Amino acid sequence: MHLGVQYWISHYGYIGVFFILLIENLGVPFPAETTLVVSGIEWTKGAFAFLPLFMAASLGNIFGSTAAYGIGYFLGRPIVMRIGRYLGIREEKWAKAEGTFAKYRGFVVLFGKFIAGIRVLVPYLAGIERMPFLTFSLFNAVSALVWVAAFTTLGRFAGVAWSHYHRVMHQYLVPGLIALAVLVALYVALKRRYRQA
């Protein structure tokens, strides 16, 4: 799946990131967090600039969530459930998510993006439960901005760490292998000498 994300990002750039984040929110099984982390790594390499990347990912997520909210609001639970069957969303999962949403509503919209199992269900539920659109939009936008920033920054740090590790590894690889070979040879020689004694 990582390779698929890498292909989309390398071939379609910001537009690829935008569409992955958009369709993932509609329930299509794309790894959104992986996309953001890989995008952050690409940012480290200079393939992306932060602001366009942040905007593409955030807008993709916001538009996808808003579309899901609209589907839930205008088409209702029966249609959403029917769609969910094709996306592998089981009845038990819906029931659990509905119970959580009924209790916490705004809190779920605000923090639901960080919970992979219910993230794609939340905007549908917000629409079905007739959550006011302005309230949903505000919580959804804040959540999207924080979520995108968090995982993109994680990718950035991972990219910086890998770049440093890669540089250090190349710098010390040959001396390290030589030292290891010398130690192995010394160990073998001492072992033979000990046996002969």
N, C-alpha and C. Protein backbone atom coordinates (compact mmCIF):
# COMPACT_ATOMS: atom_id res chain seq x y z
N MET A 1 0.83 -1.21 0.00
CA MET A 1 0.00 0.00 0.00
C MET A 1 0.86 1.25 0.00
N HIS A 2 2.00 1.19 0.71
CA HIS A 2 2.94 2.31 0.74
C HIS A 2 3.41 2.64 -0.66
N LEU A 3 3.68 1.60 -1.48
CA LEU A 3 4.14 1.81 -2.85
C LEU A 3 3.05 2.47 -3.69
N GLY A 4 1.79 2.09 -3.46
CA GLY A 4 0.68 2.70 -4.19
C GLY A 4 0.58 4.18 -3.87
N VAL A 5 0.72 4.53 -2.60
CA VAL A 5 0.69 5.93 -2.18
C VAL A 5 1.85 6.68 -2.81
N GLN A 6 3.03 6.06 -2.78
CA GLN A 6 4.22 6.69 -3.36
C GLN A 6 4.01 6.97 -4.85
N TYR A 7 3.38 6.03 -5.54
CA TYR A 7 3.11 6.20 -6.98
C TYR A 7 2.20 7.41 -7.21
N TRP A 8 1.09 7.47 -6.47
CA TRP A 8 0.15 8.58 -6.61
C TRP A 8 0.82 9.91 -6.35
N ILE A 9 1.61 9.96 -5.28
CA ILE A 9 2.25 11.22 -4.88
C ILE A 9 3.30 11.64 -5.90
N SER A 10 4.14 10.68 -6.33
CA SER A 10 5.22 11.03 -7.26
C SER A 10 4.70 11.39 -8.64
N HIS A 11 3.57 10.79 -9.06
CA HIS A 11 3.03 11.06 -10.40
C HIS A 11 2.08 12.26 -10.44
N TYR A 12 1.33 12.48 -9.37
CA TYR A 12 0.29 13.51 -9.41
C TYR A 12 0.51 14.65 -8.42
N GLY A 13 1.56 14.54 -7.60
CA GLY A 13 1.93 15.65 -6.71
C GLY A 13 0.82 16.10 -5.78
N TYR A 14 0.64 17.41 -5.71
CA TYR A 14 -0.36 17.98 -4.79
C TYR A 14 -1.78 17.52 -5.14
N ILE A 15 -2.07 17.38 -6.43
CA ILE A 15 -3.40 16.92 -6.85
C ILE A 15 -3.64 15.50 -6.36
N GLY A 16 -2.60 14.65 -6.43
CA GLY A 16 -2.71 13.29 -5.92
C GLY A 16 -3.02 13.26 -4.44
N VAL A 17 -2.31 14.10 -3.67
CA VAL A 17 -2.56 14.19 -2.22
C VAL A 17 -3.99 14.65 -1.96
N PHE A 18 -4.42 15.68 -2.70
CA PHE A 18 -5.78 16.21 -2.55
C PHE A 18 -6.83 15.12 -2.76
N PHE A 19 -6.70 14.36 -3.85
CA PHE A 19 -7.72 13.36 -4.18
C PHE A 19 -7.69 12.16 -3.24
N ILE A 20 -6.50 11.75 -2.80
CA ILE A 20 -6.43 10.65 -1.83
C ILE A 20 -7.17 11.04 -0.55
N LEU A 21 -6.90 12.25 -0.06
CA LEU A 21 -7.56 12.70 1.17
C LEU A 21 -9.06 12.89 0.97
N LEU A 22 -9.46 13.29 -0.22
CA LEU A 22 -10.88 13.50 -0.50
C LEU A 22 -11.65 12.17 -0.53
N ILE A 23 -11.15 11.22 -1.34
CA ILE A 23 -11.90 9.97 -1.50
C ILE A 23 -11.82 9.09 -0.26
N GLU A 24 -10.75 9.24 0.54
CA GLU A 24 -10.66 8.46 1.78
C GLU A 24 -11.79 8.85 2.72
N ASN A 25 -12.15 10.12 2.71
CA ASN A 25 -13.23 10.59 3.59
C ASN A 25 -14.60 10.14 3.13
N LEU A 26 -14.70 9.71 1.88
CA LEU A 26 -15.97 9.17 1.38
C LEU A 26 -16.09 7.68 1.69
N GLY A 27 -15.01 7.10 2.24
CA GLY A 27 -15.06 5.69 2.63
C GLY A 27 -14.21 4.78 1.77
N VAL A 28 -13.59 5.32 0.71
CA VAL A 28 -12.72 4.49 -0.14
C VAL A 28 -11.46 4.17 0.67
N PRO A 29 -11.09 2.88 0.76
CA PRO A 29 -9.97 2.50 1.64
C PRO A 29 -8.60 2.92 1.12
N PHE A 30 -8.25 4.16 1.34
CA PHE A 30 -6.91 4.67 1.06
C PHE A 30 -6.26 5.03 2.39
N PRO A 31 -4.97 4.75 2.57
CA PRO A 31 -4.31 5.03 3.85
C PRO A 31 -3.96 6.52 3.97
N ALA A 32 -4.83 7.29 4.58
CA ALA A 32 -4.64 8.74 4.65
C ALA A 32 -3.41 9.12 5.48
N GLU A 33 -3.25 8.48 6.65
CA GLU A 33 -2.09 8.82 7.49
C GLU A 33 -0.79 8.52 6.77
N THR A 34 -0.73 7.36 6.10
CA THR A 34 0.47 7.01 5.34
C THR A 34 0.74 8.04 4.26
N THR A 35 -0.32 8.50 3.59
CA THR A 35 -0.18 9.52 2.56
C THR A 35 0.44 10.78 3.12
N LEU A 36 -0.03 11.20 4.29
CA LEU A 36 0.50 12.42 4.90
C LEU A 36 1.95 12.25 5.35
N VAL A 37 2.27 11.09 5.93
CA VAL A 37 3.64 10.85 6.37
C VAL A 37 4.59 10.79 5.18
N VAL A 38 4.20 10.07 4.13
CA VAL A 38 5.03 9.99 2.92
C VAL A 38 5.18 11.38 2.29
N SER A 39 4.11 12.16 2.30
CA SER A 39 4.18 13.52 1.77
C SER A 39 5.14 14.38 2.58
N GLY A 40 5.14 14.18 3.90
CA GLY A 40 6.08 14.90 4.76
C GLY A 40 7.52 14.52 4.46
N ILE A 41 7.75 13.24 4.17
CA ILE A 41 9.09 12.78 3.78
C ILE A 41 9.50 13.42 2.46
N GLU A 42 8.55 13.48 1.50
CA GLU A 42 8.83 14.11 0.20
C GLU A 42 9.11 15.60 0.37
N TRP A 43 8.45 16.21 1.34
CA TRP A 43 8.71 17.62 1.66
C TRP A 43 10.17 17.78 2.11
N THR A 44 10.66 16.84 2.92
CA THR A 44 12.05 16.86 3.36
C THR A 44 13.01 16.79 2.18
N LYS A 45 12.65 15.99 1.18
CA LYS A 45 13.50 15.81 0.00
C LYS A 45 13.43 17.00 -0.96
N GLY A 46 12.49 17.90 -0.73
CA GLY A 46 12.35 19.06 -1.61
C GLY A 46 11.34 18.87 -2.72
N ALA A 47 10.66 17.72 -2.74
CA ALA A 47 9.66 17.46 -3.79
C ALA A 47 8.40 18.29 -3.56
N PHE A 48 8.11 18.64 -2.31
CA PHE A 48 6.95 19.45 -1.96
C PHE A 48 7.39 20.68 -1.17
N ALA A 49 6.60 21.74 -1.27
CA ALA A 49 6.73 22.89 -0.37
C ALA A 49 5.62 22.75 0.67
N PHE A 50 5.88 23.25 1.88
CA PHE A 50 4.94 22.99 2.97
C PHE A 50 3.55 23.57 2.71
N LEU A 51 3.47 24.86 2.36
CA LEU A 51 2.16 25.51 2.27
C LEU A 51 1.24 24.87 1.23
N PRO A 52 1.70 24.65 -0.02
CA PRO A 52 0.81 23.98 -0.98
C PRO A 52 0.42 22.56 -0.56
N LEU A 53 1.37 21.85 0.07
CA LEU A 53 1.08 20.50 0.56
C LEU A 53 0.02 20.54 1.65
N PHE A 54 0.20 21.45 2.59
CA PHE A 54 -0.74 21.60 3.70
C PHE A 54 -2.13 21.97 3.18
N MET A 55 -2.18 22.88 2.22
CA MET A 55 -3.47 23.31 1.66
C MET A 55 -4.14 22.18 0.89
N ALA A 56 -3.37 21.46 0.06
CA ALA A 56 -3.94 20.37 -0.74
C ALA A 56 -4.53 19.29 0.15
N ALA A 57 -3.76 18.89 1.18
CA ALA A 57 -4.22 17.82 2.07
C ALA A 57 -5.43 18.28 2.91
N SER A 58 -5.35 19.49 3.45
CA SER A 58 -6.44 20.00 4.29
C SER A 58 -7.73 20.16 3.50
N LEU A 59 -7.62 20.77 2.31
CA LEU A 59 -8.82 20.98 1.49
C LEU A 59 -9.41 19.66 1.01
N GLY A 60 -8.55 18.71 0.65
CA GLY A 60 -9.04 17.39 0.25
C GLY A 60 -9.84 16.74 1.37
N ASN A 61 -9.29 16.83 2.59
CA ASN A 61 -9.97 16.24 3.74
C ASN A 61 -11.27 16.97 4.05
N ILE A 62 -11.24 18.29 4.02
CA ILE A 62 -12.44 19.09 4.34
C ILE A 62 -13.53 18.86 3.30
N PHE A 63 -13.16 18.89 2.01
CA PHE A 63 -14.16 18.69 0.95
C PHE A 63 -14.76 17.28 1.01
N GLY A 64 -13.91 16.28 1.26
CA GLY A 64 -14.40 14.91 1.36
C GLY A 64 -15.36 14.73 2.52
N SER A 65 -14.99 15.31 3.67
CA SER A 65 -15.86 15.22 4.86
C SER A 65 -17.18 15.95 4.63
N THR A 66 -17.10 17.10 3.97
CA THR A 66 -18.32 17.89 3.70
C THR A 66 -19.25 17.14 2.75
N ALA A 67 -18.66 16.49 1.74
CA ALA A 67 -19.47 15.69 0.80
C ALA A 67 -20.15 14.54 1.54
N ALA A 68 -19.41 13.88 2.45
CA ALA A 68 -19.98 12.77 3.23
C ALA A 68 -21.10 13.29 4.14
N TYR A 69 -20.89 14.46 4.73
CA TYR A 69 -21.94 15.08 5.55
C TYR A 69 -23.20 15.31 4.71
N GLY A 70 -23.02 15.84 3.50
CA GLY A 70 -24.16 16.09 2.61
C GLY A 70 -24.90 14.82 2.24
N ILE A 71 -24.15 13.75 1.98
CA ILE A 71 -24.78 12.46 1.65
C ILE A 71 -25.61 11.97 2.83
N GLY A 72 -25.04 12.06 4.03
CA GLY A 72 -25.77 11.64 5.23
C GLY A 72 -26.99 12.51 5.48
N TYR A 73 -26.85 13.80 5.27
CA TYR A 73 -27.93 14.75 5.55
C TYR A 73 -29.10 14.58 4.58
N PHE A 74 -28.78 14.49 3.29
CA PHE A 74 -29.84 14.49 2.28
C PHE A 74 -30.36 13.10 1.90
N LEU A 75 -29.51 12.08 2.02
CA LEU A 75 -29.93 10.74 1.62
C LEU A 75 -30.33 9.86 2.80
N GLY A 76 -29.81 10.17 3.99
CA GLY A 76 -30.23 9.46 5.19
C GLY A 76 -29.53 8.13 5.43
N ARG A 77 -29.85 7.55 6.57
CA ARG A 77 -29.17 6.33 7.05
C ARG A 77 -29.31 5.13 6.11
N PRO A 78 -30.51 4.82 5.59
CA PRO A 78 -30.63 3.61 4.75
C PRO A 78 -29.69 3.61 3.54
N ILE A 79 -29.59 4.77 2.87
CA ILE A 79 -28.72 4.86 1.69
C ILE A 79 -27.26 4.76 2.10
N VAL A 80 -26.91 5.46 3.18
CA VAL A 80 -25.52 5.42 3.67
C VAL A 80 -25.14 4.01 4.08
N MET A 81 -26.06 3.30 4.73
CA MET A 81 -25.80 1.91 5.12
C MET A 81 -25.59 1.03 3.89
N ARG A 82 -26.37 1.28 2.86
CA ARG A 82 -26.24 0.50 1.63
C ARG A 82 -24.88 0.74 0.97
N ILE A 83 -24.48 2.00 0.94
CA ILE A 83 -23.16 2.34 0.39
C ILE A 83 -22.07 1.71 1.25
N GLY A 84 -22.26 1.79 2.58
CA GLY A 84 -21.26 1.27 3.51
C GLY A 84 -20.98 -0.21 3.33
N ARG A 85 -21.99 -0.97 2.93
CA ARG A 85 -21.79 -2.41 2.70
C ARG A 85 -20.75 -2.67 1.63
N TYR A 86 -20.75 -1.85 0.60
CA TYR A 86 -19.79 -2.02 -0.49
C TYR A 86 -18.39 -1.57 -0.09
N LEU A 87 -18.30 -0.79 0.96
CA LEU A 87 -17.01 -0.30 1.43
C LEU A 87 -16.50 -1.08 2.63
N GLY A 88 -17.19 -2.17 2.97
CA GLY A 88 -16.75 -3.02 4.07
C GLY A 88 -17.09 -2.49 5.45
N ILE A 89 -18.05 -1.57 5.55
CA ILE A 89 -18.46 -1.04 6.85
C ILE A 89 -19.64 -1.87 7.37
N ARG A 90 -19.39 -2.62 8.44
CA ARG A 90 -20.40 -3.54 8.96
C ARG A 90 -21.40 -2.82 9.87
N GLU A 91 -22.54 -3.47 10.05
CA GLU A 91 -23.63 -2.93 10.88
C GLU A 91 -23.16 -2.65 12.31
N GLU A 92 -22.35 -3.58 12.86
CA GLU A 92 -21.88 -3.42 14.24
C GLU A 92 -21.03 -2.16 14.38
N LYS A 93 -20.22 -1.91 13.35
CA LYS A 93 -19.35 -0.74 13.38
C LYS A 93 -20.19 0.55 13.36
N TRP A 94 -21.24 0.54 12.53
CA TRP A 94 -22.16 1.68 12.47
C TRP A 94 -22.81 1.91 13.82
N ALA A 95 -23.30 0.82 14.42
CA ALA A 95 -24.02 0.92 15.70
C ALA A 95 -23.11 1.50 16.79
N LYS A 96 -21.87 1.03 16.82
CA LYS A 96 -20.91 1.52 17.82
C LYS A 96 -20.61 3.00 17.60
N ALA A 97 -20.38 3.36 16.32
CA ALA A 97 -20.08 4.75 16.00
C ALA A 97 -21.26 5.66 16.32
N GLU A 98 -22.48 5.18 16.05
CA GLU A 98 -23.68 5.97 16.33
C GLU A 98 -23.84 6.22 17.83
N GLY A 99 -23.55 5.20 18.62
CA GLY A 99 -23.63 5.35 20.08
C GLY A 99 -22.65 6.38 20.59
N THR A 100 -21.43 6.32 20.08
CA THR A 100 -20.39 7.28 20.48
C THR A 100 -20.77 8.69 20.04
N PHE A 101 -21.26 8.81 18.80
CA PHE A 101 -21.62 10.12 18.27
C PHE A 101 -22.78 10.75 19.04
N ALA A 102 -23.75 9.93 19.40
CA ALA A 102 -24.91 10.44 20.15
C ALA A 102 -24.50 11.04 21.48
N LYS A 103 -23.45 10.49 22.10
CA LYS A 103 -23.00 10.98 23.40
C LYS A 103 -22.14 12.23 23.29
N TYR A 104 -21.24 12.24 22.30
CA TYR A 104 -20.19 13.28 22.31
C TYR A 104 -20.23 14.27 21.14
N ARG A 105 -20.95 13.98 20.09
CA ARG A 105 -21.18 14.83 18.93
C ARG A 105 -19.97 15.71 18.52
N GLY A 106 -19.93 16.96 19.00
CA GLY A 106 -18.86 17.89 18.60
C GLY A 106 -17.48 17.36 18.90
N PHE A 107 -17.34 16.71 20.05
CA PHE A 107 -16.06 16.13 20.45
C PHE A 107 -15.62 15.07 19.44
N VAL A 108 -16.56 14.26 18.96
CA VAL A 108 -16.25 13.21 17.99
C VAL A 108 -15.82 13.82 16.66
N VAL A 109 -16.50 14.87 16.22
CA VAL A 109 -16.12 15.54 14.96
C VAL A 109 -14.73 16.14 15.10
N LEU A 110 -14.45 16.71 16.26
CA LEU A 110 -13.17 17.38 16.49
C LEU A 110 -12.00 16.41 16.56
N PHE A 111 -12.20 15.26 17.19
CA PHE A 111 -11.08 14.33 17.41
C PHE A 111 -11.20 13.02 16.64
N GLY A 112 -12.32 12.83 15.94
CA GLY A 112 -12.55 11.56 15.24
C GLY A 112 -11.54 11.26 14.15
N LYS A 113 -10.93 12.30 13.57
CA LYS A 113 -9.97 12.07 12.48
C LYS A 113 -8.74 11.30 12.96
N PHE A 114 -8.47 11.38 14.25
CA PHE A 114 -7.31 10.70 14.80
C PHE A 114 -7.59 9.23 15.12
N ILE A 115 -8.84 8.80 14.93
CA ILE A 115 -9.21 7.40 15.19
C ILE A 115 -9.59 6.76 13.86
N ALA A 116 -8.66 5.97 13.32
CA ALA A 116 -8.82 5.43 11.96
C ALA A 116 -10.11 4.65 11.78
N GLY A 117 -10.54 3.93 12.79
CA GLY A 117 -11.73 3.09 12.65
C GLY A 117 -13.03 3.83 12.44
N ILE A 118 -13.13 5.04 13.00
CA ILE A 118 -14.40 5.77 12.89
C ILE A 118 -14.31 7.05 12.06
N ARG A 119 -13.10 7.41 11.62
CA ARG A 119 -12.92 8.70 10.93
C ARG A 119 -13.87 8.89 9.76
N VAL A 120 -13.98 7.86 8.91
CA VAL A 120 -14.81 8.00 7.70
C VAL A 120 -16.31 7.97 8.03
N LEU A 121 -16.67 7.46 9.21
CA LEU A 121 -18.09 7.38 9.57
C LEU A 121 -18.62 8.69 10.14
N VAL A 122 -17.73 9.47 10.76
CA VAL A 122 -18.16 10.66 11.50
C VAL A 122 -18.93 11.67 10.65
N PRO A 123 -18.42 12.08 9.48
CA PRO A 123 -19.19 13.07 8.70
C PRO A 123 -20.54 12.55 8.23
N TYR A 124 -20.61 11.27 7.88
CA TYR A 124 -21.91 10.68 7.52
C TYR A 124 -22.88 10.77 8.69
N LEU A 125 -22.39 10.40 9.88
CA LEU A 125 -23.23 10.44 11.08
C LEU A 125 -23.67 11.86 11.41
N ALA A 126 -22.75 12.81 11.24
CA ALA A 126 -23.09 14.21 11.52
C ALA A 126 -24.23 14.67 10.62
N GLY A 127 -24.21 14.23 9.36
CA GLY A 127 -25.28 14.57 8.43
C GLY A 127 -26.58 13.87 8.78
N ILE A 128 -26.49 12.57 9.06
CA ILE A 128 -27.69 11.79 9.40
C ILE A 128 -28.37 12.35 10.65
N GLU A 129 -27.55 12.73 11.64
CA GLU A 129 -28.08 13.24 12.92
C GLU A 129 -28.44 14.73 12.85
N ARG A 130 -28.35 15.31 11.64
CA ARG A 130 -28.73 16.72 11.43
C ARG A 130 -27.94 17.69 12.31
N MET A 131 -26.66 17.42 12.47
CA MET A 131 -25.80 18.38 13.18
C MET A 131 -25.80 19.67 12.36
N PRO A 132 -25.93 20.84 12.99
CA PRO A 132 -25.93 22.09 12.23
C PRO A 132 -24.69 22.21 11.34
N PHE A 133 -24.90 22.60 10.09
CA PHE A 133 -23.82 22.61 9.11
C PHE A 133 -22.66 23.51 9.54
N LEU A 134 -22.96 24.69 10.07
CA LEU A 134 -21.90 25.61 10.48
C LEU A 134 -21.07 25.02 11.62
N THR A 135 -21.74 24.37 12.56
CA THR A 135 -21.02 23.72 13.67
C THR A 135 -20.13 22.62 13.15
N PHE A 136 -20.68 21.77 12.28
CA PHE A 136 -19.89 20.70 11.69
C PHE A 136 -18.71 21.27 10.92
N SER A 137 -18.95 22.28 10.10
CA SER A 137 -17.90 22.86 9.26
C SER A 137 -16.76 23.42 10.10
N LEU A 138 -17.10 24.11 11.18
CA LEU A 138 -16.07 24.68 12.05
C LEU A 138 -15.23 23.59 12.70
N PHE A 139 -15.89 22.63 13.35
CA PHE A 139 -15.17 21.54 14.01
C PHE A 139 -14.37 20.72 13.01
N ASN A 140 -14.97 20.46 11.86
CA ASN A 140 -14.32 19.65 10.84
C ASN A 140 -13.07 20.34 10.30
N ALA A 141 -13.16 21.66 10.06
CA ALA A 141 -12.01 22.40 9.53
C ALA A 141 -10.87 22.44 10.53
N VAL A 142 -11.19 22.74 11.80
CA VAL A 142 -10.16 22.77 12.84
C VAL A 142 -9.49 21.40 12.96
N SER A 143 -10.31 20.36 12.99
CA SER A 143 -9.79 19.00 13.09
C SER A 143 -8.89 18.65 11.91
N ALA A 144 -9.32 19.01 10.70
CA ALA A 144 -8.54 18.70 9.50
C ALA A 144 -7.19 19.39 9.53
N LEU A 145 -7.17 20.67 9.90
CA LEU A 145 -5.92 21.43 9.93
C LEU A 145 -4.93 20.84 10.92
N VAL A 146 -5.42 20.49 12.11
CA VAL A 146 -4.55 19.91 13.15
C VAL A 146 -4.06 18.53 12.73
N TRP A 147 -4.97 17.71 12.22
CA TRP A 147 -4.64 16.34 11.82
C TRP A 147 -3.62 16.32 10.69
N VAL A 148 -3.84 17.13 9.67
CA VAL A 148 -2.92 17.21 8.53
C VAL A 148 -1.55 17.71 8.99
N ALA A 149 -1.54 18.77 9.80
CA ALA A 149 -0.27 19.31 10.30
C ALA A 149 0.50 18.28 11.11
N ALA A 150 -0.21 17.52 11.95
CA ALA A 150 0.44 16.54 12.82
C ALA A 150 1.12 15.44 12.02
N PHE A 151 0.40 14.83 11.07
CA PHE A 151 0.97 13.70 10.34
C PHE A 151 1.97 14.14 9.27
N THR A 152 1.80 15.33 8.71
CA THR A 152 2.78 15.83 7.75
C THR A 152 4.09 16.15 8.46
N THR A 153 3.97 16.76 9.65
CA THR A 153 5.17 17.07 10.44
C THR A 153 5.87 15.80 10.89
N LEU A 154 5.09 14.78 11.24
CA LEU A 154 5.67 13.48 11.59
C LEU A 154 6.50 12.95 10.43
N GLY A 155 5.96 13.05 9.22
CA GLY A 155 6.70 12.63 8.03
C GLY A 155 7.95 13.45 7.82
N ARG A 156 7.85 14.74 8.09
CA ARG A 156 9.01 15.63 7.97
C ARG A 156 10.13 15.18 8.90
N PHE A 157 9.78 14.93 10.17
CA PHE A 157 10.79 14.48 11.14
C PHE A 157 11.36 13.12 10.75
N ALA A 158 10.49 12.24 10.25
CA ALA A 158 10.96 10.92 9.81
C ALA A 158 11.93 11.07 8.65
N GLY A 159 11.63 11.99 7.73
CA GLY A 159 12.51 12.22 6.58
C GLY A 159 13.85 12.78 7.00
N VAL A 160 13.84 13.72 7.95
CA VAL A 160 15.08 14.32 8.45
C VAL A 160 15.91 13.25 9.16
N ALA A 161 15.25 12.44 10.00
CA ALA A 161 15.95 11.38 10.74
C ALA A 161 16.56 10.36 9.78
N TRP A 162 15.79 9.96 8.73
CA TRP A 162 16.30 9.00 7.76
C TRP A 162 17.47 9.58 6.99
N SER A 163 17.38 10.86 6.62
CA SER A 163 18.46 11.52 5.88
C SER A 163 19.74 11.52 6.70
N HIS A 164 19.60 11.83 8.00
CA HIS A 164 20.76 11.84 8.89
C HIS A 164 21.33 10.43 9.05
N TYR A 165 20.44 9.46 9.26
CA TYR A 165 20.86 8.06 9.42
C TYR A 165 21.58 7.57 8.16
N HIS A 166 21.02 7.92 7.01
CA HIS A 166 21.59 7.49 5.73
C HIS A 166 22.99 8.06 5.55
N ARG A 167 23.16 9.34 5.89
CA ARG A 167 24.46 10.00 5.76
C ARG A 167 25.48 9.38 6.71
N VAL A 168 25.06 9.17 7.96
CA VAL A 168 25.96 8.57 8.96
C VAL A 168 26.33 7.15 8.56
N MET A 169 25.34 6.39 8.06
CA MET A 169 25.58 5.01 7.66
C MET A 169 26.63 4.95 6.55
N HIS A 170 26.48 5.83 5.55
CA HIS A 170 27.45 5.84 4.45
C HIS A 170 28.83 6.26 4.93
N GLN A 171 28.86 7.17 5.88
CA GLN A 171 30.12 7.68 6.39
C GLN A 171 30.90 6.60 7.14
N TYR A 172 30.17 5.77 7.90
CA TYR A 172 30.84 4.80 8.77
C TYR A 172 30.70 3.35 8.31
N LEU A 173 30.03 3.13 7.18
CA LEU A 173 29.78 1.76 6.74
C LEU A 173 31.07 1.00 6.45
N VAL A 174 31.94 1.57 5.61
CA VAL A 174 33.18 0.87 5.23
C VAL A 174 34.09 0.68 6.44
N PRO A 175 34.40 1.74 7.24
CA PRO A 175 35.22 1.51 8.43
C PRO A 175 34.59 0.48 9.38
N GLY A 176 33.27 0.54 9.51
CA GLY A 176 32.58 -0.40 10.39
C GLY A 176 32.72 -1.84 9.92
N LEU A 177 32.58 -2.06 8.61
CA LEU A 177 32.73 -3.42 8.06
C LEU A 177 34.15 -3.92 8.21
N ILE A 178 35.13 -3.03 8.01
CA ILE A 178 36.53 -3.41 8.18
C ILE A 178 36.79 -3.81 9.63
N ALA A 179 36.29 -2.98 10.56
CA ALA A 179 36.48 -3.27 11.99
C ALA A 179 35.83 -4.60 12.36
N LEU A 180 34.64 -4.85 11.81
CA LEU A 180 33.94 -6.10 12.08
C LEU A 180 34.72 -7.29 11.54
N ALA A 181 35.26 -7.15 10.32
CA ALA A 181 36.05 -8.23 9.71
C ALA A 181 37.29 -8.53 10.54
N VAL A 182 37.94 -7.47 11.04
CA VAL A 182 39.14 -7.64 11.88
C VAL A 182 38.77 -8.36 13.17
N LEU A 183 37.67 -7.98 13.78
CA LEU A 183 37.24 -8.62 15.03
C LEU A 183 36.91 -10.10 14.82
N VAL A 184 36.23 -10.40 13.71
CA VAL A 184 35.89 -11.80 13.40
C VAL A 184 37.16 -12.61 13.18
N ALA A 185 38.11 -12.04 12.41
CA ALA A 185 39.38 -12.73 12.14
C ALA A 185 40.15 -12.96 13.43
N LEU A 186 40.16 -11.96 14.30
CA LEU A 186 40.86 -12.06 15.58
C LEU A 186 40.21 -13.14 16.45
N TYR A 187 38.87 -13.18 16.46
CA TYR A 187 38.14 -14.17 17.23
C TYR A 187 38.46 -15.58 16.75
N VAL A 188 38.46 -15.77 15.42
CA VAL A 188 38.75 -17.09 14.83
C VAL A 188 40.17 -17.51 15.16
N ALA A 189 41.13 -16.57 15.05
CA ALA A 189 42.54 -16.88 15.33
C ALA A 189 42.73 -17.26 16.79
N LEU A 190 42.11 -16.51 17.69
CA LEU A 190 42.25 -16.81 19.12
C LEU A 190 41.60 -18.14 19.48
N LYS A 191 40.48 -18.45 18.82
CA LYS A 191 39.79 -19.71 19.08
C LYS A 191 40.65 -20.89 18.65
N ARG A 192 41.28 -20.77 17.46
CA ARG A 192 42.16 -21.84 16.97
C ARG A 192 43.35 -22.03 17.90
N ARG A 193 43.93 -20.91 18.33
CA ARG A 193 45.10 -20.98 19.20
C ARG A 193 44.74 -21.63 20.53
N TYR A 194 43.55 -21.31 21.03
CA TYR A 194 43.09 -21.87 22.30
C TYR A 194 42.90 -23.38 22.18
N ARG A 195 42.39 -23.84 21.02
CA ARG A 195 42.17 -25.27 20.80
C ARG A 195 43.49 -26.03 20.70
N GLN A 196 44.49 -25.37 20.09
CA GLN A 196 45.79 -26.03 19.90
C GLN A 196 46.58 -26.11 21.20
N ALA A 197 46.27 -25.19 22.14
CA ALA A 197 47.03 -25.13 23.38
C ALA A 197 46.71 -26.33 24.29
